[in-house]
């Protein structure tokens, strides 16, 4: 059996073995509730505090500005809804990019039903928001602007610092979903100028089910979960100490090796893009995540290609894992001007630090062979259908 090649790191990454070793003692040895005052509890909360400090250093924030959540979706939901509701005295208008993650879009729809007005910023055919569109969208009653740092489907990197600067001139709070950026794109909340930022551990070789929200000191936000005093009375619930420890360790390791990892991913991406030809088009632009490639395969249905790839031991996806159950075409590619047929012929490949150039070469060879065969089969089907009609 051929060894499988995992090219879906934008969906999730494997937990680093060193991170797992850091976590293990907190399942059965240091098992106290981090909110308890006895020795076992104090040992647990010390570990939580160390992880919080580690994450704060990685983001160039203060530990008091880091709040733990269950992941990126919760962080995004809390930021969008909590900031809008707590600051509604300024207004009930929100600006967001049209290619946000479903976690942000879902929260915006909920707010819209509650009477908020949402303006969605367009993107160009490479997936970038223009600064002029930001200026035009902001109003006196705009309370929040949310634009993701890196798009999870096509990898486009937005000019967050410039966007935040424009928004702050109007007194608008700025949130960015940096889930796909953490560990690959350097994140400095002071330099970026954002008021809130979401990350999730499983995107940078940490455990699933744990994330964090950076919230600039002094910003008001509505509580997410009530009934407990954890996270400064803003997010009740027992601390997931093993996962928090794992997140801190994973982000620390990711930041330490970010230059090396970016270089490695870029080399993989460059080799993979030898796939592009007259029948294969890149969805996205040059200024993008070094580990994400979204390709449009003309004449090939993505569901057929993904199934064929899976049989060959190559794992990729058609887009966001959070939208995999949806029958709707990718809203990201649609916003970039792709037609329904083009969207249904697009596949996302995303690389990780464990991938090798040899794996990429094998994947490229397999994809070329499969797409050629699928195009030929589709052409034969069209010819046969045409003959039937003429009988």
Protein backbone atom coordinates (compact mmCIF):
# COMPACT_ATOMS: atom_id res chain seq x y z
CA UNK A 1 0.00 0.00 0.00
CA UNK A 2 1.26 3.46 -0.92
CA UNK A 3 2.03 5.80 1.95
CA UNK A 4 -0.65 8.48 2.22
CA UNK A 5 0.16 12.12 1.56
CA UNK A 6 -1.71 14.65 3.69
CA UNK A 7 -2.21 17.96 1.85
CA UNK A 8 -5.03 19.41 3.96
CA UNK A 9 -3.16 21.24 6.72
CA UNK A 10 -5.44 24.27 6.37
CA UNK A 11 -8.21 22.06 7.76
CA UNK A 12 -6.12 20.82 10.68
CA UNK A 13 -2.58 19.83 11.59
CA UNK A 14 -1.31 16.80 13.52
CA UNK A 15 -0.45 17.51 17.14
CA UNK A 16 3.31 17.83 17.51
CA UNK A 17 4.75 14.94 19.55
CA UNK A 18 6.68 17.36 21.78
CA UNK A 19 3.44 19.25 22.44
CA UNK A 20 1.64 16.02 23.31
CA UNK A 21 4.37 15.14 25.81
CA UNK A 22 3.86 18.51 27.48
CA UNK A 23 0.13 17.82 27.79
CA UNK A 24 0.15 14.27 29.13
CA UNK A 25 0.89 15.01 32.82
CA UNK A 26 -2.13 17.32 33.02
CA UNK A 27 -4.55 14.48 32.24
CA UNK A 28 -3.70 12.27 35.21
CA UNK A 29 -0.90 13.71 37.36
CA UNK A 30 -1.58 17.44 37.63
CA UNK A 31 -5.34 16.96 37.41
CA UNK A 32 -6.68 19.62 39.76
CA UNK A 33 -9.36 22.12 38.77
CA UNK A 34 -7.53 25.35 37.94
CA UNK A 35 -10.20 27.30 39.82
CA UNK A 36 -9.65 25.40 43.09
CA UNK A 37 -7.58 26.98 45.88
CA UNK A 38 -5.88 23.83 47.19
CA UNK A 39 -2.47 22.54 46.06
CA UNK A 40 -3.78 20.52 43.12
CA UNK A 41 -5.72 23.54 41.88
CA UNK A 42 -2.77 25.88 42.34
CA UNK A 43 -0.53 23.56 40.29
CA UNK A 44 -3.11 23.54 37.49
CA UNK A 45 -3.66 27.29 37.45
CA UNK A 46 0.11 27.82 37.40
CA UNK A 47 0.23 25.80 34.18
CA UNK A 48 -2.66 27.83 32.73
CA UNK A 49 -0.89 31.06 33.63
CA UNK A 50 2.35 29.91 32.01
CA UNK A 51 0.49 29.06 28.80
CA UNK A 52 -1.29 32.42 28.85
CA UNK A 53 2.06 34.21 29.22
CA UNK A 54 3.55 32.17 26.39
CA UNK A 55 0.68 32.99 24.03
CA UNK A 56 0.82 36.66 25.00
CA UNK A 57 4.55 36.77 24.17
CA UNK A 58 3.91 35.16 20.80
CA UNK A 59 1.30 37.80 19.93
CA UNK A 60 3.19 40.71 21.56
CA UNK A 61 0.29 41.20 23.95
CA UNK A 62 -0.18 41.28 27.71
CA UNK A 63 -1.26 38.07 29.50
CA UNK A 64 -4.33 39.93 30.81
CA UNK A 65 -5.41 40.43 27.18
CA UNK A 66 -5.57 36.69 26.39
CA UNK A 67 -8.84 34.76 26.91
CA UNK A 68 -9.13 31.02 26.35
CA UNK A 69 -11.97 29.58 24.25
CA UNK A 70 -12.86 26.22 22.73
CA UNK A 71 -11.42 27.17 19.31
CA UNK A 72 -11.53 29.55 16.37
CA UNK A 73 -15.29 29.40 15.87
CA UNK A 74 -15.97 30.38 19.48
CA UNK A 75 -13.33 33.11 19.40
CA UNK A 76 -14.82 34.57 16.21
CA UNK A 77 -18.39 34.36 17.52
CA UNK A 78 -17.48 35.95 20.81
CA UNK A 79 -15.48 38.76 19.21
CA UNK A 80 -18.11 39.69 16.63
CA UNK A 81 -21.20 39.39 18.79
CA UNK A 82 -19.62 40.43 22.08
CA UNK A 83 -17.93 43.56 20.75
CA UNK A 84 -20.98 44.63 18.74
CA UNK A 85 -23.39 44.18 21.65
CA UNK A 86 -21.17 45.78 24.30
CA UNK A 87 -20.47 48.85 22.17
CA UNK A 88 -23.84 49.33 20.49
CA UNK A 89 -24.20 52.83 21.93
CA UNK A 90 -21.92 54.01 19.08
CA UNK A 91 -24.08 52.38 16.44
CA UNK A 92 -25.37 49.14 14.97
CA UNK A 93 -23.46 49.07 11.71
CA UNK A 94 -20.75 46.47 11.04
CA UNK A 95 -18.29 46.13 8.14
CA UNK A 96 -16.84 42.76 7.13
CA UNK A 97 -15.10 41.29 4.11
CA UNK A 98 -17.22 39.11 1.83
CA UNK A 99 -14.79 36.18 2.21
CA UNK A 100 -14.85 35.75 6.00
CA UNK A 101 -14.91 32.33 7.65
CA UNK A 102 -18.39 30.85 8.28
CA UNK A 103 -17.82 31.42 12.02
CA UNK A 104 -17.79 35.17 11.40
CA UNK A 105 -20.52 35.14 8.75
CA UNK A 106 -22.82 33.11 11.01
CA UNK A 107 -22.35 35.56 13.88
CA UNK A 108 -23.07 38.47 11.53
CA UNK A 109 -26.31 36.86 10.35
CA UNK A 110 -27.37 36.47 13.96
CA UNK A 111 -26.69 40.16 14.60
CA UNK A 112 -28.50 41.13 11.44
CA UNK A 113 -31.64 39.43 12.74
CA UNK A 114 -31.21 41.46 15.94
CA UNK A 115 -31.33 44.72 13.97
CA UNK A 116 -27.70 45.33 13.04
CA UNK A 117 -26.81 46.43 9.50
CA UNK A 118 -23.91 44.65 7.79
CA UNK A 119 -21.84 45.98 4.89
CA UNK A 120 -19.78 43.34 3.09
CA UNK A 121 -16.56 44.52 1.44
CA UNK A 122 -15.94 43.19 -2.08
CA UNK A 123 -12.68 41.54 -3.06
CA UNK A 124 -10.87 41.50 -6.39
CA UNK A 125 -10.34 38.39 -8.52
CA UNK A 126 -7.32 37.44 -6.40
CA UNK A 127 -9.16 37.70 -3.08
CA UNK A 128 -7.92 41.04 -1.75
CA UNK A 129 -9.88 43.83 -0.05
CA UNK A 130 -9.07 47.34 -1.26
CA UNK A 131 -8.33 50.11 1.25
CA UNK A 132 -10.61 52.45 -0.68
CA UNK A 133 -13.57 50.09 -0.22
CA UNK A 134 -12.89 50.16 3.54
CA UNK A 135 -12.92 53.96 3.58
CA UNK A 136 -16.17 54.09 1.64
CA UNK A 137 -17.90 51.50 3.83
CA UNK A 138 -17.21 53.13 7.22
CA UNK A 139 -19.89 55.38 8.69
CA UNK A 140 -20.39 57.42 11.83
CA UNK A 141 -22.49 54.61 13.29
CA UNK A 142 -20.02 51.83 12.38
CA UNK A 143 -19.17 50.00 15.58
CA UNK A 144 -17.06 47.09 14.32
CA UNK A 145 -14.94 46.06 11.35
CA UNK A 146 -13.87 42.43 10.94
CA UNK A 147 -11.47 41.27 8.22
CA UNK A 148 -9.56 37.98 8.34
CA UNK A 149 -5.76 38.06 8.22
CA UNK A 150 -5.39 35.03 5.92
CA UNK A 151 -8.21 33.48 3.93
CA UNK A 152 -8.55 29.78 4.66
CA UNK A 153 -9.57 28.77 1.12
CA UNK A 154 -7.23 30.71 -1.18
CA UNK A 155 -4.59 31.99 1.28
CA UNK A 156 -4.84 35.70 0.43
CA UNK A 157 -3.20 37.91 3.10
CA UNK A 158 -5.04 41.16 3.80
CA UNK A 159 -3.34 44.50 4.68
CA UNK A 160 -4.64 44.41 8.25
CA UNK A 161 -2.41 47.16 9.63
CA UNK A 162 -3.57 49.64 6.98
CA UNK A 163 -7.21 48.56 7.35
CA UNK A 164 -7.07 48.97 11.14
CA UNK A 165 -5.52 52.42 10.81
CA UNK A 166 -8.36 53.59 8.55
CA UNK A 167 -10.98 52.13 10.91
CA UNK A 168 -9.48 53.70 14.01
CA UNK A 169 -9.62 57.14 12.39
CA UNK A 170 -13.40 56.68 12.58
CA UNK A 171 -13.33 55.25 16.09
CA UNK A 172 -14.24 51.78 14.82
CA UNK A 173 -13.23 48.62 16.72
CA UNK A 174 -11.21 46.15 14.62
CA UNK A 175 -11.28 42.35 14.86
CA UNK A 176 -9.31 39.94 12.72
CA UNK A 177 -9.69 36.19 12.36
CA UNK A 178 -6.04 35.09 12.39
CA UNK A 179 -6.78 31.37 12.74
CA UNK A 180 -5.18 30.47 9.40
CA UNK A 181 -2.26 32.84 9.95
CA UNK A 182 -0.91 31.77 13.33
CA UNK A 183 2.36 29.87 13.15
CA UNK A 184 3.07 30.84 9.54
CA UNK A 185 2.38 34.58 9.22
CA UNK A 186 4.03 36.68 11.99
CA UNK A 187 1.40 38.15 14.33
CA UNK A 188 2.08 41.27 16.39
CA UNK A 189 -1.15 42.76 17.71
CA UNK A 190 0.54 46.10 18.49
CA UNK A 191 1.98 46.46 15.02
CA UNK A 192 -1.23 45.24 13.37
CA UNK A 193 -3.24 47.72 15.42
CA UNK A 194 -6.16 45.36 15.98
CA UNK A 195 -8.44 45.39 19.02
CA UNK A 196 -9.31 41.69 18.91
CA UNK A 197 -7.73 38.66 17.25
CA UNK A 198 -8.79 35.00 17.07
CA UNK A 199 -6.53 31.93 16.94
CA UNK A 200 -7.00 28.16 17.25
CA UNK A 201 -4.38 25.66 18.41
CA UNK A 202 -5.09 22.85 15.95
CA UNK A 203 -3.92 25.03 13.04
CA UNK A 204 -0.35 25.20 14.41
CA UNK A 205 0.27 21.61 15.55
CA UNK A 206 -1.56 21.94 18.86
CA UNK A 207 -4.60 20.05 20.17
CA UNK A 208 -8.13 20.45 18.88
CA UNK A 209 -10.82 22.05 21.00
CA UNK A 210 -8.82 24.99 22.33
CA UNK A 211 -8.40 28.54 21.06
CA UNK A 212 -7.86 32.04 22.29
CA UNK A 213 -9.14 35.56 21.82
CA UNK A 214 -6.83 38.53 22.17
CA UNK A 215 -8.78 41.54 23.43
CA UNK A 216 -7.01 44.89 23.76
CA UNK A 217 -7.06 46.22 27.31
CA UNK A 218 -9.90 48.67 27.84
CA UNK A 219 -12.16 47.29 25.12
CA UNK A 220 -15.65 46.33 26.28
CA UNK A 221 -17.04 42.94 25.32
CA UNK A 222 -20.21 41.14 26.38
CA UNK A 223 -19.69 37.90 28.37
CA UNK A 224 -19.69 34.73 26.31
CA UNK A 225 -20.65 32.12 28.91
CA UNK A 226 -22.12 33.04 32.26
CA UNK A 227 -22.30 31.01 35.45
CA UNK A 228 -18.61 30.97 36.31
CA UNK A 229 -15.94 33.48 37.22
CA UNK A 230 -13.29 32.12 34.88
CA UNK A 231 -11.59 34.42 32.37
CA UNK A 232 -12.33 37.53 34.41
CA UNK A 233 -16.07 36.74 34.54
CA UNK A 234 -16.33 36.83 30.75
CA UNK A 235 -16.17 33.14 29.83
CA UNK A 236 -17.32 30.72 32.50
CA UNK A 237 -16.45 27.04 32.49
CA UNK A 238 -13.82 24.65 33.85
CA UNK A 239 -10.39 25.27 32.37
CA UNK A 240 -9.28 22.65 29.85
CA UNK A 241 -5.83 22.58 31.40
CA UNK A 242 -4.19 19.90 29.18
CA UNK A 243 -5.35 21.63 25.99
CA UNK A 244 -4.34 25.08 27.28
CA UNK A 245 -0.87 23.73 28.09
CA UNK A 246 -0.70 22.20 24.63
CA UNK A 247 -1.74 25.44 22.94
CA UNK A 248 0.92 27.42 24.77
CA UNK A 249 3.61 24.91 23.89
CA UNK A 250 2.50 24.67 20.24
CA UNK A 251 2.44 28.41 19.63
CA UNK A 252 5.80 28.88 21.32
CA UNK A 253 7.32 26.22 19.07
CA UNK A 254 5.59 27.65 15.99
CA UNK A 255 6.90 31.17 16.59
CA UNK A 256 10.42 29.88 17.28
CA UNK A 257 10.55 28.01 13.94
CA UNK A 258 8.39 30.37 11.82
CA UNK A 259 11.17 31.49 9.47
CA UNK A 260 12.28 27.93 8.78
CA UNK A 261 8.71 26.70 8.31
CA UNK A 262 7.83 29.57 5.93
CA UNK A 263 10.90 28.80 3.85
CA UNK A 264 10.01 25.10 3.72
CA UNK A 265 6.36 25.73 2.80
CA UNK A 266 7.38 28.20 0.10
CA UNK A 267 9.66 25.60 -1.50
CA UNK A 268 6.83 23.05 -1.46
CA UNK A 269 4.41 25.55 -2.97
CA UNK A 270 6.85 26.54 -5.72
CA UNK A 271 7.37 22.89 -6.65
CA UNK A 272 3.62 22.19 -6.54
CA UNK A 273 2.80 25.10 -8.84
CA UNK A 274 4.57 23.33 -11.69
CA UNK A 275 1.06 21.87 -12.05
CA UNK A 276 -0.29 25.07 -13.59
CA UNK A 277 -0.76 25.04 -17.36
CA UNK A 278 -3.41 25.97 -19.91
CA UNK A 279 -5.90 23.72 -18.11
CA UNK A 280 -5.00 24.67 -14.53
CA UNK A 281 -5.43 28.15 -13.05
CA UNK A 282 -4.40 29.51 -9.64
CA UNK A 283 -7.23 30.90 -7.53
CA UNK A 284 -5.55 33.67 -5.56
CA UNK A 285 -2.61 36.07 -5.75
CA UNK A 286 1.10 36.14 -5.05
CA UNK A 287 0.88 37.74 -1.60
CA UNK A 288 -0.55 34.71 0.13
CA UNK A 289 -0.02 32.01 2.73
CA UNK A 290 3.04 29.96 1.65
CA UNK A 291 1.29 26.69 2.43
CA UNK A 292 -2.07 27.15 0.66
CA UNK A 293 -2.75 26.59 -3.04
CA UNK A 294 -6.23 26.67 -4.56
CA UNK A 295 -6.34 25.45 -8.15
CA UNK A 296 -9.05 25.51 -10.79
CA UNK A 297 -8.90 22.38 -12.99
CA UNK A 298 -10.80 23.13 -16.18
CA UNK A 299 -12.95 20.24 -17.39
CA UNK A 300 -12.70 18.33 -14.09
CA UNK A 301 -15.25 18.11 -11.28
CA UNK A 302 -13.63 18.57 -7.89
CA UNK A 303 -15.67 15.84 -6.21
CA UNK A 304 -14.47 13.30 -8.77
CA UNK A 305 -10.88 14.48 -8.50
CA UNK A 306 -10.90 14.42 -4.69
CA UNK A 307 -12.32 10.89 -4.66
CA UNK A 308 -9.72 9.72 -7.17
CA UNK A 309 -6.95 11.39 -5.17
CA UNK A 310 -8.15 9.74 -1.97
CA UNK A 311 -7.97 6.33 -3.67
CA UNK A 312 -4.38 7.17 -4.60
CA UNK A 313 -3.57 8.10 -1.00
CA UNK A 314 -3.56 11.88 -1.46
CA UNK A 315 -5.74 13.95 0.87
CA UNK A 316 -6.96 17.43 -0.11
CA UNK A 317 -10.26 19.34 0.03
CA UNK A 318 -12.65 21.53 -1.92
CA UNK A 319 -12.41 24.37 0.61
CA UNK A 320 -13.20 25.09 4.24
CA UNK A 321 -13.68 22.00 6.40
CA UNK A 322 -16.32 23.96 8.32
CA UNK A 323 -18.40 24.17 5.13
CA UNK A 324 -17.88 20.59 3.94
CA UNK A 325 -21.49 19.64 4.65
CA UNK A 326 -22.88 22.59 2.72
CA UNK A 327 -24.35 22.18 -0.76
CA UNK A 328 -23.70 25.84 -1.54
CA UNK A 329 -20.71 26.71 -3.75
CA UNK A 330 -17.73 28.40 -2.10
CA UNK A 331 -18.69 31.95 -1.12
CA UNK A 332 -15.01 32.88 -1.26
CA UNK A 333 -14.54 31.88 -4.90
CA UNK A 334 -17.92 33.37 -5.80
CA UNK A 335 -16.84 36.70 -4.28
CA UNK A 336 -13.70 36.50 -6.41
CA UNK A 337 -15.84 36.29 -9.54
CA UNK A 338 -15.64 32.57 -10.24
CA UNK A 339 -18.70 31.00 -11.85
CA UNK A 340 -20.46 27.96 -10.41
CA UNK A 341 -18.77 25.63 -12.88
CA UNK A 342 -15.34 27.02 -12.01
CA UNK A 343 -16.04 26.69 -8.29
CA UNK A 344 -17.04 23.05 -8.73
CA UNK A 345 -13.71 22.46 -10.49
CA UNK A 346 -11.53 24.02 -7.77
CA UNK A 347 -9.48 22.15 -5.15
CA UNK A 348 -7.48 23.40 -2.18
CA UNK A 349 -4.14 21.85 -1.32
CA UNK A 350 -2.39 22.93 1.88
CA UNK A 351 1.07 21.90 3.00
CA UNK A 352 2.63 21.32 6.41
CA UNK A 353 6.07 21.15 7.96
CA UNK A 354 6.06 17.36 7.68
CA UNK A 355 5.56 17.28 3.91
CA UNK A 356 8.58 16.63 1.69
CA UNK A 357 9.54 17.63 -1.85
CA UNK A 358 9.37 13.95 -2.78
CA UNK A 359 5.73 13.85 -1.65
CA UNK A 360 4.97 16.96 -3.67
CA UNK A 361 6.58 15.46 -6.78
CA UNK A 362 4.53 12.30 -6.39
CA UNK A 363 1.34 14.29 -5.81
CA UNK A 364 1.97 16.42 -8.91
CA UNK A 365 2.50 13.32 -11.06
CA UNK A 366 -0.67 11.69 -9.75
CA UNK A 367 -2.77 14.85 -10.18
CA UNK A 368 -1.56 15.33 -13.77
CA UNK A 369 -2.45 11.75 -14.64
CA UNK A 370 -5.85 11.86 -12.93
CA UNK A 371 -6.93 15.20 -14.40
CA UNK A 372 -5.94 14.08 -17.90
CA UNK A 373 -7.99 10.90 -17.48
CA UNK A 374 -11.00 12.71 -15.99
CA UNK A 375 -10.98 15.28 -18.81
CA UNK A 376 -10.83 12.49 -21.39
CA UNK A 377 -13.70 10.63 -19.71
CA UNK A 378 -15.75 13.83 -19.63
CA UNK A 379 -15.09 14.48 -23.33
CA UNK A 380 -16.07 10.91 -24.23
CA UNK A 381 -19.27 11.29 -22.19
CA UNK A 382 -20.14 14.49 -24.08
CA UNK A 383 -19.47 12.79 -27.43
CA UNK A 384 -21.66 9.79 -26.52
CA UNK A 385 -24.48 12.02 -25.31
CA UNK A 386 -24.29 14.02 -28.54
CA UNK A 387 -24.51 10.80 -30.61
CA UNK A 388 -27.59 9.66 -28.65
CA UNK A 389 -29.37 12.94 -29.37
CA UNK A 390 -28.72 12.52 -33.11
CA UNK A 391 -30.16 8.99 -33.28
